[in-house]
Amino acid sequence: MVELLFVTCMVMSQSSPESCREHSLVFTDVSPMTCMMGAQPQLAKWVNEHPGQRITSWKCRAVDLSTRDA
């Protein structure tokens, strides 16, 4: 499994760290390289569905199931 991990912040208060949140999308059938190549359309879709938010950073990484919450 591969996770697209990204951080979003409210557009109105860009300098407030407390207005930022971490999000993730988990994919079961893609490689890390496929995640990297397909991330921007996924992130653009997320931003369109969440007005007032902006993405400040993102990365693709393998999911470590031993550290995930149930």
PDB file of N, CA and C in Angstrom:
ATOM      1  N   MET A   1       0.835  -1.182   0.000  1.00  0.00           N
ATOM      2  CA  MET A   1       0.000   0.000   0.000  1.00  0.00           C
ATOM      3  C   MET A   1       0.885   1.252   0.000  1.00  0.00           C
ATOM      4  N   VAL A   2       0.377   2.261  -0.639  1.00  0.00           N
ATOM      5  CA  VAL A   2       1.089   3.537  -0.742  1.00  0.00           C
ATOM      6  C   VAL A   2       0.168   4.645  -0.245  1.00  0.00           C
ATOM      7  N   GLU A   3       0.739   5.564   0.503  1.00  0.00           N
ATOM      8  CA  GLU A   3      -0.023   6.675   1.067  1.00  0.00           C
ATOM      9  C   GLU A   3       0.427   7.983   0.439  1.00  0.00           C
ATOM     10  N   LEU A   4      -0.539   8.782   0.021  1.00  0.00           N
ATOM     11  CA  LEU A   4      -0.287  10.157  -0.414  1.00  0.00           C
ATOM     12  C   LEU A   4      -0.571  11.022   0.810  1.00  0.00           C
ATOM     13  N   LEU A   5       0.478  11.497   1.441  1.00  0.00           N
ATOM     14  CA  LEU A   5       0.372  12.295   2.659  1.00  0.00           C
ATOM     15  C   LEU A   5       0.517  13.762   2.276  1.00  0.00           C
ATOM     16  N   PHE A   6      -0.422  14.610   2.739  1.00  0.00           N
ATOM     17  CA  PHE A   6      -0.338  16.023   2.392  1.00  0.00           C
ATOM     18  C   PHE A   6      -0.819  16.892   3.547  1.00  0.00           C
ATOM     19  N   VAL A   7      -0.308  18.115   3.565  1.00  0.00           N
ATOM     20  CA  VAL A   7      -0.649  19.090   4.604  1.00  0.00           C
ATOM     21  C   VAL A   7      -1.431  20.213   3.951  1.00  0.00           C
ATOM     22  N   THR A   8      -2.564  20.568   4.579  1.00  0.00           N
ATOM     23  CA  THR A   8      -3.378  21.675   4.082  1.00  0.00           C
ATOM     24  C   THR A   8      -3.489  22.752   5.149  1.00  0.00           C
ATOM     25  N   CYS A   9      -3.639  23.985   4.693  1.00  0.00           N
ATOM     26  CA  CYS A   9      -3.816  25.120   5.601  1.00  0.00           C
ATOM     27  C   CYS A   9      -4.977  25.971   5.098  1.00  0.00           C
ATOM     28  N   MET A  10      -5.615  26.649   6.029  1.00  0.00           N
ATOM     29  CA  MET A  10      -6.672  27.577   5.660  1.00  0.00           C
ATOM     30  C   MET A  10      -6.068  28.716   4.845  1.00  0.00           C
ATOM     31  N   VAL A  11      -6.745  29.120   3.795  1.00  0.00           N
ATOM     32  CA  VAL A  11      -6.247  30.185   2.932  1.00  0.00           C
ATOM     33  C   VAL A  11      -6.212  31.514   3.672  1.00  0.00           C
ATOM     34  N   MET A  12      -7.196  31.783   4.509  1.00  0.00           N
ATOM     35  CA  MET A  12      -7.304  33.069   5.185  1.00  0.00           C
ATOM     36  C   MET A  12      -6.203  33.304   6.214  1.00  0.00           C
ATOM     37  N   SER A  13      -5.675  32.261   6.827  1.00  0.00           N
ATOM     38  CA  SER A  13      -4.654  32.446   7.868  1.00  0.00           C
ATOM     39  C   SER A  13      -3.445  31.568   7.586  1.00  0.00           C
ATOM     40  N   GLN A  14      -2.720  31.926   6.552  1.00  0.00           N
ATOM     41  CA  GLN A  14      -1.597  31.124   6.091  1.00  0.00           C
ATOM     42  C   GLN A  14      -0.475  31.034   7.111  1.00  0.00           C
ATOM     43  N   SER A  15      -0.332  32.011   7.984  1.00  0.00           N
ATOM     44  CA  SER A  15       0.793  32.020   8.915  1.00  0.00           C
ATOM     45  C   SER A  15       0.498  31.309  10.230  1.00  0.00           C
ATOM     46  N   SER A  16      -0.725  30.853  10.442  1.00  0.00           N
ATOM     47  CA  SER A  16      -1.084  30.195  11.692  1.00  0.00           C
ATOM     48  C   SER A  16      -0.870  28.691  11.581  1.00  0.00           C
ATOM     49  N   PRO A  17       0.118  28.155  12.273  1.00  0.00           N
ATOM     50  CA  PRO A  17       0.360  26.721  12.179  1.00  0.00           C
ATOM     51  C   PRO A  17      -0.814  25.888  12.686  1.00  0.00           C
ATOM     52  N   GLU A  18      -1.589  26.420  13.623  1.00  0.00           N
ATOM     53  CA  GLU A  18      -2.719  25.664  14.148  1.00  0.00           C
ATOM     54  C   GLU A  18      -3.849  25.513  13.129  1.00  0.00           C
ATOM     55  N   SER A  19      -3.805  26.250  12.033  1.00  0.00           N
ATOM     56  CA  SER A  19      -4.832  26.120  11.013  1.00  0.00           C
ATOM     57  C   SER A  19      -4.458  25.093   9.946  1.00  0.00           C
ATOM     58  N   CYS A  20      -3.350  24.403  10.128  1.00  0.00           N
ATOM     59  CA  CYS A  20      -2.894  23.402   9.176  1.00  0.00           C
ATOM     60  C   CYS A  20      -3.198  21.997   9.698  1.00  0.00           C
ATOM     61  N   ARG A  21      -3.506  21.092   8.764  1.00  0.00           N
ATOM     62  CA  ARG A  21      -3.824  19.710   9.119  1.00  0.00           C
ATOM     63  C   ARG A  21      -3.165  18.749   8.152  1.00  0.00           C
ATOM     64  N   GLU A  22      -2.878  17.573   8.640  1.00  0.00           N
ATOM     65  CA  GLU A  22      -2.311  16.509   7.824  1.00  0.00           C
ATOM     66  C   GLU A  22      -3.446  15.598   7.342  1.00  0.00           C
ATOM     67  N   HIS A  23      -3.385  15.195   6.084  1.00  0.00           N
ATOM     68  CA  HIS A  23      -4.379  14.308   5.485  1.00  0.00           C
ATOM     69  C   HIS A  23      -3.638  13.211   4.725  1.00  0.00           C
ATOM     70  N   SER A  24      -4.334  12.130   4.446  1.00  0.00           N
ATOM     71  CA  SER A  24      -3.725  11.104   3.613  1.00  0.00           C
ATOM     72  C   SER A  24      -4.772  10.380   2.793  1.00  0.00           C
ATOM     73  N   LEU A  25      -4.331   9.943   1.639  1.00  0.00           N
ATOM     74  CA  LEU A  25      -5.114   9.074   0.774  1.00  0.00           C
ATOM     75  C   LEU A  25      -4.297   7.800   0.618  1.00  0.00           C
ATOM     76  N   VAL A  26      -4.902   6.650   0.836  1.00  0.00           N
ATOM     77  CA  VAL A  26      -4.184   5.379   0.757  1.00  0.00           C
ATOM     78  C   VAL A  26      -4.633   4.637  -0.491  1.00  0.00           C
ATOM     79  N   PHE A  27      -3.660   4.151  -1.237  1.00  0.00           N
ATOM     80  CA  PHE A  27      -3.905   3.406  -2.468  1.00  0.00           C
ATOM     81  C   PHE A  27      -3.360   1.999  -2.304  1.00  0.00           C
ATOM     82  N   THR A  28      -4.142   1.012  -2.668  1.00  0.00           N
ATOM     83  CA  THR A  28      -3.706  -0.370  -2.496  1.00  0.00           C
ATOM     84  C   THR A  28      -3.090  -0.962  -3.751  1.00  0.00           C
ATOM     85  N   ASP A  29      -3.331  -0.350  -4.888  1.00  0.00           N
ATOM     86  CA  ASP A  29      -2.920  -0.969  -6.146  1.00  0.00           C
ATOM     87  C   ASP A  29      -1.960  -0.127  -6.976  1.00  0.00           C
ATOM     88  N   VAL A  30      -1.165   0.723  -6.339  1.00  0.00           N
ATOM     89  CA  VAL A  30      -0.209   1.544  -7.088  1.00  0.00           C
ATOM     90  C   VAL A  30       1.181   1.444  -6.446  1.00  0.00           C
ATOM     91  N   SER A  31       2.181   1.743  -7.241  1.00  0.00           N
ATOM     92  CA  SER A  31       3.549   1.793  -6.749  1.00  0.00           C
ATOM     93  C   SER A  31       3.842   3.218  -6.268  1.00  0.00           C
ATOM     94  N   PRO A  32       4.909   3.397  -5.499  1.00  0.00           N
ATOM     95  CA  PRO A  32       5.269   4.764  -5.085  1.00  0.00           C
ATOM     96  C   PRO A  32       5.482   5.701  -6.285  1.00  0.00           C
ATOM     97  N   MET A  33       6.062   5.193  -7.369  1.00  0.00           N
ATOM     98  CA  MET A  33       6.286   6.034  -8.552  1.00  0.00           C
ATOM     99  C   MET A  33       4.957   6.430  -9.188  1.00  0.00           C
ATOM    100  N   THR A  34       4.011   5.514  -9.252  1.00  0.00           N
ATOM    101  CA  THR A  34       2.690   5.830  -9.796  1.00  0.00           C
ATOM    102  C   THR A  34       2.004   6.868  -8.922  1.00  0.00           C
ATOM    103  N   CYS A  35       2.167   6.752  -7.617  1.00  0.00           N
ATOM    104  CA  CYS A  35       1.611   7.747  -6.705  1.00  0.00           C
ATOM    105  C   CYS A  35       2.197   9.124  -6.998  1.00  0.00           C
ATOM    106  N   MET A  36       3.507   9.198  -7.155  1.00  0.00           N
ATOM    107  CA  MET A  36       4.165  10.480  -7.433  1.00  0.00           C
ATOM    108  C   MET A  36       3.650  11.088  -8.739  1.00  0.00           C
ATOM    109  N   MET A  37       3.474  10.246  -9.759  1.00  0.00           N
ATOM    110  CA  MET A  37       3.028  10.748 -11.058  1.00  0.00           C
ATOM    111  C   MET A  37       1.560  11.140 -11.052  1.00  0.00           C
ATOM    112  N   GLY A  38       0.744  10.507 -10.220  1.00  0.00           N
ATOM    113  CA  GLY A  38      -0.680  10.790 -10.199  1.00  0.00           C
ATOM    114  C   GLY A  38      -1.123  11.687  -9.065  1.00  0.00           C
ATOM    115  N   ALA A  39      -0.192  12.160  -8.258  1.00  0.00           N
ATOM    116  CA  ALA A  39      -0.543  12.940  -7.068  1.00  0.00           C
ATOM    117  C   ALA A  39      -1.194  14.278  -7.412  1.00  0.00           C
ATOM    118  N   GLN A  40      -0.654  14.999  -8.366  1.00  0.00           N
ATOM    119  CA  GLN A  40      -1.166  16.341  -8.632  1.00  0.00           C
ATOM    120  C   GLN A  40      -2.637  16.359  -9.040  1.00  0.00           C
ATOM    121  N   PRO A  41      -3.098  15.464  -9.908  1.00  0.00           N
ATOM    122  CA  PRO A  41      -4.541  15.461 -10.199  1.00  0.00           C
ATOM    123  C   PRO A  41      -5.380  15.115  -8.967  1.00  0.00           C
ATOM    124  N   GLN A  42      -4.916  14.192  -8.135  1.00  0.00           N
ATOM    125  CA  GLN A  42      -5.634  13.839  -6.917  1.00  0.00           C
ATOM    126  C   GLN A  42      -5.704  15.036  -5.963  1.00  0.00           C
ATOM    127  N   LEU A  43      -4.592  15.736  -5.823  1.00  0.00           N
ATOM    128  CA  LEU A  43      -4.547  16.897  -4.931  1.00  0.00           C
ATOM    129  C   LEU A  43      -5.411  18.040  -5.476  1.00  0.00           C
ATOM    130  N   ALA A  44      -5.400  18.229  -6.787  1.00  0.00           N
ATOM    131  CA  ALA A  44      -6.247  19.268  -7.390  1.00  0.00           C
ATOM    132  C   ALA A  44      -7.723  18.957  -7.148  1.00  0.00           C
ATOM    133  N   LYS A  45      -8.090  17.696  -7.258  1.00  0.00           N
ATOM    134  CA  LYS A  45      -9.474  17.293  -6.983  1.00  0.00           C
ATOM    135  C   LYS A  45      -9.820  17.579  -5.525  1.00  0.00           C
ATOM    136  N   TRP A  46      -8.910  17.272  -4.609  1.00  0.00           N
ATOM    137  CA  TRP A  46      -9.157  17.502  -3.184  1.00  0.00           C
ATOM    138  C   TRP A  46      -9.358  19.001  -2.920  1.00  0.00           C
ATOM    139  N   VAL A  47      -8.505  19.833  -3.497  1.00  0.00           N
ATOM    140  CA  VAL A  47      -8.612  21.284  -3.295  1.00  0.00           C
ATOM    141  C   VAL A  47      -9.942  21.804  -3.845  1.00  0.00           C
ATOM    142  N   ASN A  48     -10.358  21.302  -5.002  1.00  0.00           N
ATOM    143  CA  ASN A  48     -11.643  21.728  -5.576  1.00  0.00           C
ATOM    144  C   ASN A  48     -12.813  21.355  -4.680  1.00  0.00           C
ATOM    145  N   GLU A  49     -12.693  20.249  -3.961  1.00  0.00           N
ATOM    146  CA  GLU A  49     -13.760  19.799  -3.069  1.00  0.00           C
ATOM    147  C   GLU A  49     -13.699  20.462  -1.690  1.00  0.00           C
ATOM    148  N   HIS A  50     -12.617  21.172  -1.406  1.00  0.00           N
ATOM    149  CA  HIS A  50     -12.432  21.819  -0.100  1.00  0.00           C
ATOM    150  C   HIS A  50     -12.015  23.279  -0.291  1.00  0.00           C
ATOM    151  N   PRO A  51     -12.954  24.133  -0.694  1.00  0.00           N
ATOM    152  CA  PRO A  51     -12.617  25.546  -0.899  1.00  0.00           C
ATOM    153  C   PRO A  51     -12.106  26.176   0.398  1.00  0.00           C
ATOM    154  N   GLY A  52     -11.209  27.100   0.263  1.00  0.00           N
ATOM    155  CA  GLY A  52     -10.646  27.769   1.433  1.00  0.00           C
ATOM    156  C   GLY A  52      -9.426  27.063   1.995  1.00  0.00           C
ATOM    157  N   GLN A  53      -9.028  25.952   1.377  1.00  0.00           N
ATOM    158  CA  GLN A  53      -7.847  25.212   1.815  1.00  0.00           C
ATOM    159  C   GLN A  53      -6.782  25.278   0.730  1.00  0.00           C
ATOM    160  N   ARG A  54      -5.539  25.241   1.143  1.00  0.00           N
ATOM    161  CA  ARG A  54      -4.440  25.145   0.179  1.00  0.00           C
ATOM    162  C   ARG A  54      -3.488  24.062   0.653  1.00  0.00           C
ATOM    163  N   ILE A  55      -2.850  23.402  -0.267  1.00  0.00           N
ATOM    164  CA  ILE A  55      -1.903  22.338   0.058  1.00  0.00           C
ATOM    165  C   ILE A  55      -0.522  22.954   0.165  1.00  0.00           C
ATOM    166  N   THR A  56       0.141  22.722   1.293  1.00  0.00           N
ATOM    167  CA  THR A  56       1.461  23.304   1.517  1.00  0.00           C
ATOM    168  C   THR A  56       2.593  22.324   1.249  1.00  0.00           C
ATOM    169  N   SER A  57       2.328  21.025   1.390  1.00  0.00           N
ATOM    170  CA  SER A  57       3.356  20.025   1.092  1.00  0.00           C
ATOM    171  C   SER A  57       2.680  18.675   0.879  1.00  0.00           C
ATOM    172  N   TRP A  58       3.393  17.779   0.191  1.00  0.00           N
ATOM    173  CA  TRP A  58       2.874  16.440  -0.030  1.00  0.00           C
ATOM    174  C   TRP A  58       4.011  15.494  -0.339  1.00  0.00           C
ATOM    175  N   LYS A  59       3.752  14.198  -0.107  1.00  0.00           N
ATOM    176  CA  LYS A  59       4.726  13.168  -0.452  1.00  0.00           C
ATOM    177  C   LYS A  59       4.006  11.826  -0.535  1.00  0.00           C
ATOM    178  N   CYS A  60       4.596  10.921  -1.277  1.00  0.00           N
ATOM    179  CA  CYS A  60       4.109   9.549  -1.350  1.00  0.00           C
ATOM    180  C   CYS A  60       5.068   8.684  -0.545  1.00  0.00           C
ATOM    181  N   ARG A  61       4.497   7.730   0.192  1.00  0.00           N
ATOM    182  CA  ARG A  61       5.345   6.834   0.975  1.00  0.00           C
ATOM    183  C   ARG A  61       4.642   5.496   1.154  1.00  0.00           C
ATOM    184  N   ALA A  62       5.447   4.485   1.397  1.00  0.00           N
ATOM    185  CA  ALA A  62       4.900   3.162   1.673  1.00  0.00           C
ATOM    186  C   ALA A  62       4.225   3.201   3.030  1.00  0.00           C
ATOM    187  N   VAL A  63       3.096   2.517   3.136  1.00  0.00           N
ATOM    188  CA  VAL A  63       2.357   2.466   4.397  1.00  0.00           C
ATOM    189  C   VAL A  63       2.980   1.399   5.288  1.00  0.00           C
ATOM    190  N   ASP A  64       3.326   1.786   6.508  1.00  0.00           N
ATOM    191  CA  ASP A  64       3.847   0.849   7.505  1.00  0.00           C
ATOM    192  C   ASP A  64       2.673   0.401   8.355  1.00  0.00           C
ATOM    193  N   LEU A  65       2.152  -0.772   8.090  1.00  0.00           N
ATOM    194  CA  LEU A  65       0.957  -1.256   8.782  1.00  0.00           C
ATOM    195  C   LEU A  65       1.192  -1.496  10.259  1.00  0.00           C
ATOM    196  N   SER A  66       2.435  -1.663  10.676  1.00  0.00           N
ATOM    197  CA  SER A  66       2.699  -1.924  12.095  1.00  0.00           C
ATOM    198  C   SER A  66       2.521  -0.690  12.950  1.00  0.00           C
ATOM    199  N   THR A  67       2.508   0.505  12.345  1.00  0.00           N
ATOM    200  CA  THR A  67       2.359   1.734  13.134  1.00  0.00           C
ATOM    201  C   THR A  67       1.006   2.401  12.927  1.00  0.00           C
ATOM    202  N   ARG A  68       0.129   1.813  12.121  1.00  0.00           N
ATOM    203  CA  ARG A  68      -1.183   2.410  11.853  1.00  0.00           C
ATOM    204  C   ARG A  68      -2.127   2.153  13.014  1.00  0.00           C
ATOM    205  N   ASP A  69      -3.001   3.133  13.299  1.00  0.00           N
ATOM    206  CA  ASP A  69      -4.049   2.956  14.284  1.00  0.00           C
ATOM    207  C   ASP A  69      -5.137   2.069  13.713  1.00  0.00           C
ATOM    208  N   ALA A  70      -5.789   1.328  14.568  1.00  0.00           N
ATOM    209  CA  ALA A  70      -6.862   0.438  14.103  1.00  0.00           C
ATOM    210  C   ALA A  70      -8.117   1.211  13.798  1.00  0.00           C
TER     211      ALA A  70
END
